[in-house]
Full PDB file with SEQRES, HELIX, SHEET, SSBOND, CRYST1, ORIGX, SCALE, CONECT and MASTER records, all heavy atoms in Angstrom:
SEQRES   1 A   36  LEU GLY GLN SER HIS HIS ALA LYS GLU LYS GLY ASP ALA          
SEQRES   2 A   36  ASP ASP LEU GLU ALA GLU ILE GLU ALA ALA GLN TRP ASP          
SEQRES   3 A   36  GLY ALA THR GLU VAL HIS ARG GLN MET PRO                      
HELIX    1 AA1 GLY A    2  GLN A   24  1                                  23    
CRYST1    1.000    1.000    1.000  90.00  90.00  90.00 P 1           1          
ORIGX1      1.000000  0.000000  0.000000        0.00000                         
ORIGX2      0.000000  1.000000  0.000000        0.00000                         
ORIGX3      0.000000  0.000000  1.000000        0.00000                         
SCALE1      1.000000  0.000000  0.000000        0.00000                         
SCALE2      0.000000  1.000000  0.000000        0.00000                         
SCALE3      0.000000  0.000000  1.000000        0.00000                         
ATOM      1  N   LEU A   1      -4.974 -16.374  -5.561  1.00  0.00           N  
ATOM      2  CA  LEU A   1      -5.671 -16.500  -4.282  1.00  0.00           C  
ATOM      3  C   LEU A   1      -5.418 -15.275  -3.420  1.00  0.00           C  
ATOM      4  O   LEU A   1      -6.297 -14.821  -2.698  1.00  0.00           O  
ATOM      5  CB  LEU A   1      -5.209 -17.754  -3.539  1.00  0.00           C  
ATOM      6  CG  LEU A   1      -5.800 -19.091  -3.974  1.00  0.00           C  
ATOM      7  CD1 LEU A   1      -5.205 -20.217  -3.134  1.00  0.00           C  
ATOM      8  CD2 LEU A   1      -7.317 -19.079  -3.843  1.00  0.00           C  
ATOM      9  N   GLY A   2      -4.207 -14.745  -3.504  1.00  0.00           N  
ATOM     10  CA  GLY A   2      -3.884 -13.559  -2.729  1.00  0.00           C  
ATOM     11  C   GLY A   2      -4.690 -12.356  -3.158  1.00  0.00           C  
ATOM     12  O   GLY A   2      -5.035 -11.496  -2.349  1.00  0.00           O  
ATOM     13  N   GLN A   3      -5.006 -12.270  -4.447  1.00  0.00           N  
ATOM     14  CA  GLN A   3      -5.792 -11.142  -4.946  1.00  0.00           C  
ATOM     15  C   GLN A   3      -7.217 -11.173  -4.409  1.00  0.00           C  
ATOM     16  O   GLN A   3      -7.750 -10.159  -3.977  1.00  0.00           O  
ATOM     17  CB  GLN A   3      -5.805 -11.163  -6.480  1.00  0.00           C  
ATOM     18  CG  GLN A   3      -4.431 -10.874  -7.076  1.00  0.00           C  
ATOM     19  CD  GLN A   3      -4.391 -11.085  -8.575  1.00  0.00           C  
ATOM     20  OE1 GLN A   3      -3.372 -10.857  -9.212  1.00  0.00           O  
ATOM     21  NE2 GLN A   3      -5.488 -11.522  -9.153  1.00  0.00           N  
ATOM     22  N   SER A   4      -7.839 -12.362  -4.412  1.00  0.00           N  
ATOM     23  CA  SER A   4      -9.203 -12.451  -3.897  1.00  0.00           C  
ATOM     24  C   SER A   4      -9.225 -12.240  -2.400  1.00  0.00           C  
ATOM     25  O   SER A   4     -10.137 -11.612  -1.853  1.00  0.00           O  
ATOM     26  CB  SER A   4      -9.814 -13.810  -4.250  1.00  0.00           C  
ATOM     27  OG  SER A   4      -9.064 -14.873  -3.682  1.00  0.00           O  
ATOM     28  N   HIS A   5      -8.192 -12.744  -1.707  1.00  0.00           N  
ATOM     29  CA  HIS A   5      -8.085 -12.549  -0.266  1.00  0.00           C  
ATOM     30  C   HIS A   5      -7.925 -11.074   0.064  1.00  0.00           C  
ATOM     31  O   HIS A   5      -8.587 -10.537   0.957  1.00  0.00           O  
ATOM     32  CB  HIS A   5      -6.890 -13.342   0.255  1.00  0.00           C  
ATOM     33  CG  HIS A   5      -6.550 -13.083   1.690  1.00  0.00           C  
ATOM     34  ND1 HIS A   5      -7.493 -13.152   2.696  1.00  0.00           N  
ATOM     35  CD2 HIS A   5      -5.380 -12.766   2.292  1.00  0.00           C  
ATOM     36  CE1 HIS A   5      -6.906 -12.881   3.858  1.00  0.00           C  
ATOM     37  NE2 HIS A   5      -5.626 -12.635   3.623  1.00  0.00           N  
ATOM     38  N   HIS A   6      -7.066 -10.395  -0.691  1.00  0.00           N  
ATOM     39  CA  HIS A   6      -6.834  -8.967  -0.471  1.00  0.00           C  
ATOM     40  C   HIS A   6      -8.106  -8.171  -0.743  1.00  0.00           C  
ATOM     41  O   HIS A   6      -8.451  -7.253  -0.003  1.00  0.00           O  
ATOM     42  CB  HIS A   6      -5.707  -8.479  -1.383  1.00  0.00           C  
ATOM     43  CG  HIS A   6      -5.437  -7.014  -1.272  1.00  0.00           C  
ATOM     44  ND1 HIS A   6      -4.645  -6.487  -0.286  1.00  0.00           N  
ATOM     45  CD2 HIS A   6      -5.874  -5.956  -2.010  1.00  0.00           C  
ATOM     46  CE1 HIS A   6      -4.585  -5.173  -0.425  1.00  0.00           C  
ATOM     47  NE2 HIS A   6      -5.322  -4.832  -1.466  1.00  0.00           N  
ATOM     48  N   ALA A   7      -8.819  -8.538  -1.782  1.00  0.00           N  
ATOM     49  CA  ALA A   7     -10.032  -7.805  -2.140  1.00  0.00           C  
ATOM     50  C   ALA A   7     -11.092  -7.920  -1.063  1.00  0.00           C  
ATOM     51  O   ALA A   7     -11.778  -6.949  -0.735  1.00  0.00           O  
ATOM     52  CB  ALA A   7     -10.577  -8.330  -3.470  1.00  0.00           C  
ATOM     53  N   LYS A   8     -11.227  -9.101  -0.475  1.00  0.00           N  
ATOM     54  CA  LYS A   8     -12.257  -9.307   0.534  1.00  0.00           C  
ATOM     55  C   LYS A   8     -11.926  -8.607   1.840  1.00  0.00           C  
ATOM     56  O   LYS A   8     -12.789  -8.058   2.504  1.00  0.00           O  
ATOM     57  CB  LYS A   8     -12.445 -10.811   0.788  1.00  0.00           C  
ATOM     58  CG  LYS A   8     -13.147 -11.527  -0.360  1.00  0.00           C  
ATOM     59  CD  LYS A   8     -13.402 -12.987  -0.016  1.00  0.00           C  
ATOM     60  CE  LYS A   8     -14.152 -13.682  -1.143  1.00  0.00           C  
ATOM     61  NZ  LYS A   8     -14.446 -15.103  -0.818  1.00  0.00           N  
ATOM     62  N   GLU A   9     -10.623  -8.638   2.224  1.00  0.00           N  
ATOM     63  CA  GLU A   9     -10.255  -8.081   3.518  1.00  0.00           C  
ATOM     64  C   GLU A   9     -10.008  -6.571   3.459  1.00  0.00           C  
ATOM     65  O   GLU A   9     -10.218  -5.863   4.424  1.00  0.00           O  
ATOM     66  CB  GLU A   9      -9.000  -8.775   4.047  1.00  0.00           C  
ATOM     67  CG  GLU A   9      -9.254 -10.151   4.612  1.00  0.00           C  
ATOM     68  CD  GLU A   9      -8.165 -10.551   5.586  1.00  0.00           C  
ATOM     69  OE1 GLU A   9      -6.996 -10.173   5.348  1.00  0.00           O  
ATOM     70  OE2 GLU A   9      -8.479 -11.212   6.576  1.00  0.00           O  
ATOM     71  N   LYS A  10      -9.556  -6.090   2.301  1.00  0.00           N  
ATOM     72  CA  LYS A  10      -9.105  -4.713   2.221  1.00  0.00           C  
ATOM     73  C   LYS A  10     -10.063  -3.775   1.505  1.00  0.00           C  
ATOM     74  O   LYS A  10      -9.821  -2.582   1.462  1.00  0.00           O  
ATOM     75  CB  LYS A  10      -7.740  -4.656   1.503  1.00  0.00           C  
ATOM     76  CG  LYS A  10      -6.646  -5.483   2.159  1.00  0.00           C  
ATOM     77  CD  LYS A  10      -6.332  -4.994   3.552  1.00  0.00           C  
ATOM     78  CE  LYS A  10      -5.157  -5.753   4.148  1.00  0.00           C  
ATOM     79  NZ  LYS A  10      -4.841  -5.321   5.527  1.00  0.00           N  
ATOM     80  N   GLY A  11     -11.125  -4.311   0.936  1.00  0.00           N  
ATOM     81  CA  GLY A  11     -12.027  -3.466   0.155  1.00  0.00           C  
ATOM     82  C   GLY A  11     -12.563  -2.291   0.939  1.00  0.00           C  
ATOM     83  O   GLY A  11     -12.443  -1.128   0.526  1.00  0.00           O  
ATOM     84  N   ASP A  12     -13.119  -2.581   2.104  1.00  0.00           N  
ATOM     85  CA  ASP A  12     -13.674  -1.504   2.925  1.00  0.00           C  
ATOM     86  C   ASP A  12     -12.580  -0.572   3.430  1.00  0.00           C  
ATOM     87  O   ASP A  12     -12.770   0.651   3.508  1.00  0.00           O  
ATOM     88  CB  ASP A  12     -14.443  -2.097   4.113  1.00  0.00           C  
ATOM     89  CG  ASP A  12     -15.694  -2.844   3.665  1.00  0.00           C  
ATOM     90  OD1 ASP A  12     -16.166  -2.584   2.536  1.00  0.00           O  
ATOM     91  OD2 ASP A  12     -16.183  -3.694   4.433  1.00  0.00           O  
ATOM     92  N   ALA A  13     -11.429  -1.131   3.774  1.00  0.00           N  
ATOM     93  CA  ALA A  13     -10.327  -0.308   4.273  1.00  0.00           C  
ATOM     94  C   ALA A  13      -9.827   0.646   3.194  1.00  0.00           C  
ATOM     95  O   ALA A  13      -9.494   1.800   3.473  1.00  0.00           O  
ATOM     96  CB  ALA A  13      -9.191  -1.204   4.764  1.00  0.00           C  
ATOM     97  N   ASP A  14      -9.777   0.171   1.956  1.00  0.00           N  
ATOM     98  CA  ASP A  14      -9.329   1.036   0.862  1.00  0.00           C  
ATOM     99  C   ASP A  14     -10.308   2.182   0.633  1.00  0.00           C  
ATOM    100  O   ASP A  14      -9.899   3.318   0.359  1.00  0.00           O  
ATOM    101  CB  ASP A  14      -9.194   0.215  -0.425  1.00  0.00           C  
ATOM    102  CG  ASP A  14      -7.999  -0.725  -0.374  1.00  0.00           C  
ATOM    103  OD1 ASP A  14      -7.140  -0.520   0.496  1.00  0.00           O  
ATOM    104  OD2 ASP A  14      -7.945  -1.656  -1.195  1.00  0.00           O  
ATOM    105  N   ASP A  15     -11.596   1.899   0.739  1.00  0.00           N  
ATOM    106  CA  ASP A  15     -12.595   2.952   0.577  1.00  0.00           C  
ATOM    107  C   ASP A  15     -12.447   4.012   1.660  1.00  0.00           C  
ATOM    108  O   ASP A  15     -12.529   5.217   1.389  1.00  0.00           O  
ATOM    109  CB  ASP A  15     -14.010   2.349   0.628  1.00  0.00           C  
ATOM    110  CG  ASP A  15     -14.297   1.475  -0.589  1.00  0.00           C  
ATOM    111  OD1 ASP A  15     -13.594   1.628  -1.596  1.00  0.00           O  
ATOM    112  OD2 ASP A  15     -15.222   0.641  -0.510  1.00  0.00           O  
ATOM    113  N   LEU A  16     -12.213   3.566   2.895  1.00  0.00           N  
ATOM    114  CA  LEU A  16     -12.049   4.501   3.997  1.00  0.00           C  
ATOM    115  C   LEU A  16     -10.790   5.332   3.819  1.00  0.00           C  
ATOM    116  O   LEU A  16     -10.784   6.546   4.053  1.00  0.00           O  
ATOM    117  CB  LEU A  16     -11.981   3.731   5.321  1.00  0.00           C  
ATOM    118  CG  LEU A  16     -11.752   4.569   6.587  1.00  0.00           C  
ATOM    119  CD1 LEU A  16     -12.876   5.577   6.752  1.00  0.00           C  
ATOM    120  CD2 LEU A  16     -11.647   3.666   7.807  1.00  0.00           C  
ATOM    121  N   GLU A  17      -9.707   4.686   3.375  1.00  0.00           N  
ATOM    122  CA  GLU A  17      -8.451   5.407   3.155  1.00  0.00           C  
ATOM    123  C   GLU A  17      -8.614   6.471   2.073  1.00  0.00           C  
ATOM    124  O   GLU A  17      -8.071   7.572   2.189  1.00  0.00           O  
ATOM    125  CB  GLU A  17      -7.363   4.414   2.764  1.00  0.00           C  
ATOM    126  CG  GLU A  17      -5.992   5.053   2.575  1.00  0.00           C  
ATOM    127  CD  GLU A  17      -4.917   4.043   2.211  1.00  0.00           C  
ATOM    128  OE1 GLU A  17      -5.229   2.844   2.222  1.00  0.00           O  
ATOM    129  OE2 GLU A  17      -3.791   4.478   1.927  1.00  0.00           O  
ATOM    130  N   ALA A  18      -9.371   6.149   1.027  1.00  0.00           N  
ATOM    131  CA  ALA A  18      -9.607   7.111  -0.047  1.00  0.00           C  
ATOM    132  C   ALA A  18     -10.370   8.328   0.463  1.00  0.00           C  
ATOM    133  O   ALA A  18     -10.084   9.467   0.078  1.00  0.00           O  
ATOM    134  CB  ALA A  18     -10.376   6.438  -1.185  1.00  0.00           C  
ATOM    135  N   GLU A  19     -11.337   8.093   1.344  1.00  0.00           N  
ATOM    136  CA  GLU A  19     -12.104   9.198   1.908  1.00  0.00           C  
ATOM    137  C   GLU A  19     -11.224  10.099   2.775  1.00  0.00           C  
ATOM    138  O   GLU A  19     -11.338  11.331   2.735  1.00  0.00           O  
ATOM    139  CB  GLU A  19     -13.265   8.649   2.735  1.00  0.00           C  
ATOM    140  CG  GLU A  19     -14.327   7.928   1.909  1.00  0.00           C  
ATOM    141  CD  GLU A  19     -15.439   7.379   2.778  1.00  0.00           C  
ATOM    142  OE1 GLU A  19     -15.408   7.635   3.999  1.00  0.00           O  
ATOM    143  OE2 GLU A  19     -16.331   6.693   2.249  1.00  0.00           O  
ATOM    144  N   ILE A  20     -10.334   9.474   3.540  1.00  0.00           N  
ATOM    145  CA  ILE A  20      -9.445  10.257   4.410  1.00  0.00           C  
ATOM    146  C   ILE A  20      -8.484  11.093   3.573  1.00  0.00           C  
ATOM    147  O   ILE A  20      -8.259  12.281   3.857  1.00  0.00           O  
ATOM    148  CB  ILE A  20      -8.664   9.318   5.346  1.00  0.00           C  
ATOM    149  CG1 ILE A  20      -9.629   8.620   6.315  1.00  0.00           C  
ATOM    150  CG2 ILE A  20      -7.600  10.087   6.115  1.00  0.00           C  
ATOM    151  CD1 ILE A  20      -8.954   7.592   7.192  1.00  0.00           C  
ATOM    152  N   GLU A  21      -7.923  10.490   2.524  1.00  0.00           N  
ATOM    153  CA  GLU A  21      -7.003  11.226   1.664  1.00  0.00           C  
ATOM    154  C   GLU A  21      -7.694  12.391   0.968  1.00  0.00           C  
ATOM    155  O   GLU A  21      -7.122  13.474   0.811  1.00  0.00           O  
ATOM    156  CB  GLU A  21      -6.404  10.274   0.633  1.00  0.00           C  
ATOM    157  CG  GLU A  21      -5.432   9.264   1.219  1.00  0.00           C  
ATOM    158  CD  GLU A  21      -4.886   8.319   0.166  1.00  0.00           C  
ATOM    159  OE1 GLU A  21      -5.373   8.387  -0.978  1.00  0.00           O  
ATOM    160  OE2 GLU A  21      -3.973   7.538   0.485  1.00  0.00           O  
ATOM    161  N   ALA A  22      -8.934  12.164   0.552  1.00  0.00           N  
ATOM    162  CA  ALA A  22      -9.685  13.228  -0.117  1.00  0.00           C  
ATOM    163  C   ALA A  22      -9.930  14.394   0.830  1.00  0.00           C  
ATOM    164  O   ALA A  22      -9.931  15.559   0.423  1.00  0.00           O  
ATOM    165  CB  ALA A  22     -11.009  12.682  -0.650  1.00  0.00           C  
ATOM    166  N   ALA A  23     -10.127  14.085   2.108  1.00  0.00           N  
ATOM    167  CA  ALA A  23     -10.381  15.136   3.087  1.00  0.00           C  
ATOM    168  C   ALA A  23      -9.112  15.900   3.450  1.00  0.00           C  
ATOM    169  O   ALA A  23      -9.169  17.068   3.829  1.00  0.00           O  
ATOM    170  CB  ALA A  23     -10.995  14.527   4.354  1.00  0.00           C  
ATOM    171  N   GLN A  24      -7.949  15.256   3.318  1.00  0.00           N  
ATOM    172  CA  GLN A  24      -6.694  15.877   3.721  1.00  0.00           C  
ATOM    173  C   GLN A  24      -5.967  16.564   2.566  1.00  0.00           C  
ATOM    174  O   GLN A  24      -5.089  17.379   2.802  1.00  0.00           O  
ATOM    175  CB  GLN A  24      -5.773  14.811   4.334  1.00  0.00           C  
ATOM    176  CG  GLN A  24      -6.302  14.214   5.629  1.00  0.00           C  
ATOM    177  CD  GLN A  24      -5.416  13.102   6.155  1.00  0.00           C  
ATOM    178  OE1 GLN A  24      -4.644  12.517   5.395  1.00  0.00           O  
ATOM    179  NE2 GLN A  24      -5.525  12.810   7.441  1.00  0.00           N  
ATOM    180  N   TRP A  25      -6.313  16.243   1.353  1.00  0.00           N  
ATOM    181  CA  TRP A  25      -5.571  16.754   0.203  1.00  0.00           C  
ATOM    182  C   TRP A  25      -6.545  17.201  -0.870  1.00  0.00           C  
ATOM    183  O   TRP A  25      -7.398  16.441  -1.317  1.00  0.00           O  
ATOM    184  CB  TRP A  25      -4.659  15.657  -0.336  1.00  0.00           C  
ATOM    185  CG  TRP A  25      -3.941  16.005  -1.609  1.00  0.00           C  
ATOM    186  CD1 TRP A  25      -4.226  15.574  -2.860  1.00  0.00           C  
ATOM    187  CD2 TRP A  25      -2.807  16.866  -1.746  1.00  0.00           C  
ATOM    188  NE1 TRP A  25      -3.360  16.113  -3.771  1.00  0.00           N  
ATOM    189  CE2 TRP A  25      -2.460  16.908  -3.118  1.00  0.00           C  
ATOM    190  CE3 TRP A  25      -2.050  17.616  -0.836  1.00  0.00           C  
ATOM    191  CZ2 TRP A  25      -1.401  17.657  -3.599  1.00  0.00           C  
ATOM    192  CZ3 TRP A  25      -0.985  18.352  -1.326  1.00  0.00           C  
ATOM    193  CH2 TRP A  25      -0.664  18.381  -2.672  1.00  0.00           C  
ATOM    194  N   ASP A  26      -6.431  18.474  -1.285  1.00  0.00           N  
ATOM    195  CA  ASP A  26      -7.350  18.987  -2.295  1.00  0.00           C  
ATOM    196  C   ASP A  26      -6.667  19.175  -3.650  1.00  0.00           C  
ATOM    197  O   ASP A  26      -7.247  19.739  -4.582  1.00  0.00           O  
ATOM    198  CB  ASP A  26      -7.957  20.316  -1.837  1.00  0.00           C  
ATOM    199  CG  ASP A  26      -6.888  21.355  -1.498  1.00  0.00           C  
ATOM    200  OD1 ASP A  26      -5.687  21.052  -1.673  1.00  0.00           O  
ATOM    201  OD2 ASP A  26      -7.272  22.455  -1.062  1.00  0.00           O  
ATOM    202  N   GLY A  27      -5.431  18.702  -3.765  1.00  0.00           N  
ATOM    203  CA  GLY A  27      -4.718  18.792  -5.026  1.00  0.00           C  
ATOM    204  C   GLY A  27      -5.013  17.605  -5.931  1.00  0.00           C  
ATOM    205  O   GLY A  27      -5.812  16.721  -5.618  1.00  0.00           O  
ATOM    206  N   ALA A  28      -4.329  17.584  -7.066  1.00  0.00           N  
ATOM    207  CA  ALA A  28      -4.527  16.487  -8.018  1.00  0.00           C  
ATOM    208  C   ALA A  28      -3.872  15.209  -7.493  1.00  0.00           C  
ATOM    209  O   ALA A  28      -2.843  15.256  -6.816  1.00  0.00           O  
ATOM    210  CB  ALA A  28      -3.940  16.859  -9.372  1.00  0.00           C  
ATOM    211  N   THR A  29      -4.484  14.095  -7.778  1.00  0.00           N  
ATOM    212  CA  THR A  29      -3.943  12.792  -7.373  1.00  0.00           C  
ATOM    213  C   THR A  29      -3.773  11.899  -8.596  1.00  0.00           C  
ATOM    214  O   THR A  29      -4.476  12.052  -9.602  1.00  0.00           O  
ATOM    215  CB  THR A  29      -4.880  12.089  -6.377  1.00  0.00           C  
ATOM    216  OG1 THR A  29      -6.156  11.878  -6.984  1.00  0.00           O  
ATOM    217  CG2 THR A  29      -5.045  12.917  -5.116  1.00  0.00           C  
ATOM    218  N   GLU A  30      -2.833  10.990  -8.506  1.00  0.00           N  
ATOM    219  CA  GLU A  30      -2.579  10.046  -9.588  1.00  0.00           C  
ATOM    220  C   GLU A  30      -2.431   8.657  -8.992  1.00  0.00           C  
ATOM    221  O   GLU A  30      -1.676   8.454  -8.041  1.00  0.00           O  
ATOM    222  CB  GLU A  30      -1.307  10.426 -10.348  1.00  0.00           C  
ATOM    223  CG  GLU A  30      -1.024   9.547 -11.559  1.00  0.00           C  
ATOM    224  CD  GLU A  30       0.177  10.033 -12.336  1.00  0.00           C  
ATOM    225  OE1 GLU A  30       0.542  11.227 -12.161  1.00  0.00           O  
ATOM    226  OE2 GLU A  30       0.753   9.237 -13.099  1.00  0.00           O  
ATOM    227  N   VAL A  31      -3.177   7.697  -9.507  1.00  0.00           N  
ATOM    228  CA  VAL A  31      -3.199   6.338  -8.958  1.00  0.00           C  
ATOM    229  C   VAL A  31      -2.439   5.393  -9.884  1.00  0.00           C  
ATOM    230  O   VAL A  31      -2.671   5.372 -11.090  1.00  0.00           O  
ATOM    231  CB  VAL A  31      -4.652   5.833  -8.787  1.00  0.00           C  
ATOM    232  CG1 VAL A  31      -4.650   4.393  -8.269  1.00  0.00           C  
ATOM    233  CG2 VAL A  31      -5.423   6.746  -7.841  1.00  0.00           C  
ATOM    234  N   HIS A  32      -1.521   4.624  -9.312  1.00  0.00           N  
ATOM    235  CA  HIS A  32      -0.778   3.601 -10.053  1.00  0.00           C  
ATOM    236  C   HIS A  32      -1.150   2.243  -9.461  1.00  0.00           C  
ATOM    237  O   HIS A  32      -1.002   2.032  -8.262  1.00  0.00           O  
ATOM    238  CB  HIS A  32       0.735   3.831  -9.931  1.00  0.00           C  
ATOM    239  CG  HIS A  32       1.186   5.119 -10.552  1.00  0.00           C  
ATOM    240  ND1 HIS A  32       1.606   5.196 -11.854  1.00  0.00           N  
ATOM    241  CD2 HIS A  32       1.270   6.384 -10.035  1.00  0.00           C  
ATOM    242  CE1 HIS A  32       1.942   6.461 -12.126  1.00  0.00           C  
ATOM    243  NE2 HIS A  32       1.743   7.189 -11.027  1.00  0.00           N  
ATOM    244  N   ARG A  33      -1.622   1.344 -10.293  1.00  0.00           N  
ATOM    245  CA  ARG A  33      -2.021   0.020  -9.823  1.00  0.00           C  
ATOM    246  C   ARG A  33      -1.243  -1.065 -10.562  1.00  0.00           C  
ATOM    247  O   ARG A  33      -1.022  -0.969 -11.765  1.00  0.00           O  
ATOM    248  CB  ARG A  33      -3.521  -0.212 -10.039  1.00  0.00           C  
ATOM    249  CG  ARG A  33      -4.409   0.737  -9.240  1.00  0.00           C  
ATOM    250  CD  ARG A  33      -5.878   0.358  -9.378  1.00  0.00           C  
ATOM    251  NE  ARG A  33      -6.736   1.290  -8.693  1.00  0.00           N  
ATOM    252  CZ  ARG A  33      -7.027   1.263  -7.395  1.00  0.00           C  
ATOM    253  NH1 ARG A  33      -6.517   0.275  -6.662  1.00  0.00           N  
ATOM    254  NH2 ARG A  33      -7.803   2.150  -6.848  1.00  0.00           N  
ATOM    255  N   GLN A  34      -0.832  -2.057  -9.801  1.00  0.00           N  
ATOM    256  CA  GLN A  34      -0.169  -3.203 -10.415  1.00  0.00           C  
ATOM    257  C   GLN A  34      -1.196  -4.043 -11.159  1.00  0.00           C  
ATOM    258  O   GLN A  34      -2.313  -4.246 -10.684  1.00  0.00           O  
ATOM    259  CB  GLN A  34       0.511  -4.049  -9.335  1.00  0.00           C  
ATOM    260  CG  GLN A  34       1.282  -5.235  -9.890  1.00  0.00           C  
ATOM    261  CD  GLN A  34       1.948  -6.017  -8.770  1.00  0.00           C  
ATOM    262  OE1 GLN A  34       1.731  -5.742  -7.596  1.00  0.00           O  
ATOM    263  NE2 GLN A  34       2.762  -6.991  -9.135  1.00  0.00           N  
ATOM    264  N   MET A  35      -0.826  -4.544 -12.323  1.00  0.00           N  
ATOM    265  CA  MET A  35      -1.727  -5.386 -13.080  1.00  0.00           C  
ATOM    266  C   MET A  35      -2.028  -6.657 -12.302  1.00  0.00           C  
ATOM    267  O   MET A  35      -1.122  -7.275 -11.733  1.00  0.00           O  
ATOM    268  CB  MET A  35      -1.103  -5.742 -14.428  1.00  0.00           C  
ATOM    269  CG  MET A  35      -0.976  -4.559 -15.375  1.00  0.00           C  
ATOM    270  SD  MET A  35      -2.584  -3.880 -15.850  1.00  0.00           S  
ATOM    271  CE  MET A  35      -3.225  -5.266 -16.808  1.00  0.00           C  
ATOM    272  N   PRO A  36      -3.295  -7.057 -12.229  1.00  0.00           N  
ATOM    273  CA  PRO A  36      -3.629  -8.280 -11.491  1.00  0.00           C  
ATOM    274  C   PRO A  36      -3.011  -9.503 -12.146  1.00  0.00           C  
ATOM    275  O   PRO A  36      -2.826  -9.555 -13.363  1.00  0.00           O  
ATOM    276  CB  PRO A  36      -5.163  -8.328 -11.553  1.00  0.00           C  
ATOM    277  CG  PRO A  36      -5.520  -7.528 -12.765  1.00  0.00           C  
ATOM    278  CD  PRO A  36      -4.485  -6.433 -12.850  1.00  0.00           C  
TER     279      PRO A  36                                                      
MASTER        0    0    0    1    0    0    0    6  278    1    0    3          
END                                                                             
């Protein structure tokens, strides 16, 4: 339930955060995600 709740509330925020990071950092990035 927490995963679906997080996805609904944070989806747009995560997209915005990704855009901000892309604008501030032009180096290589590596994403680590916890398995659902």
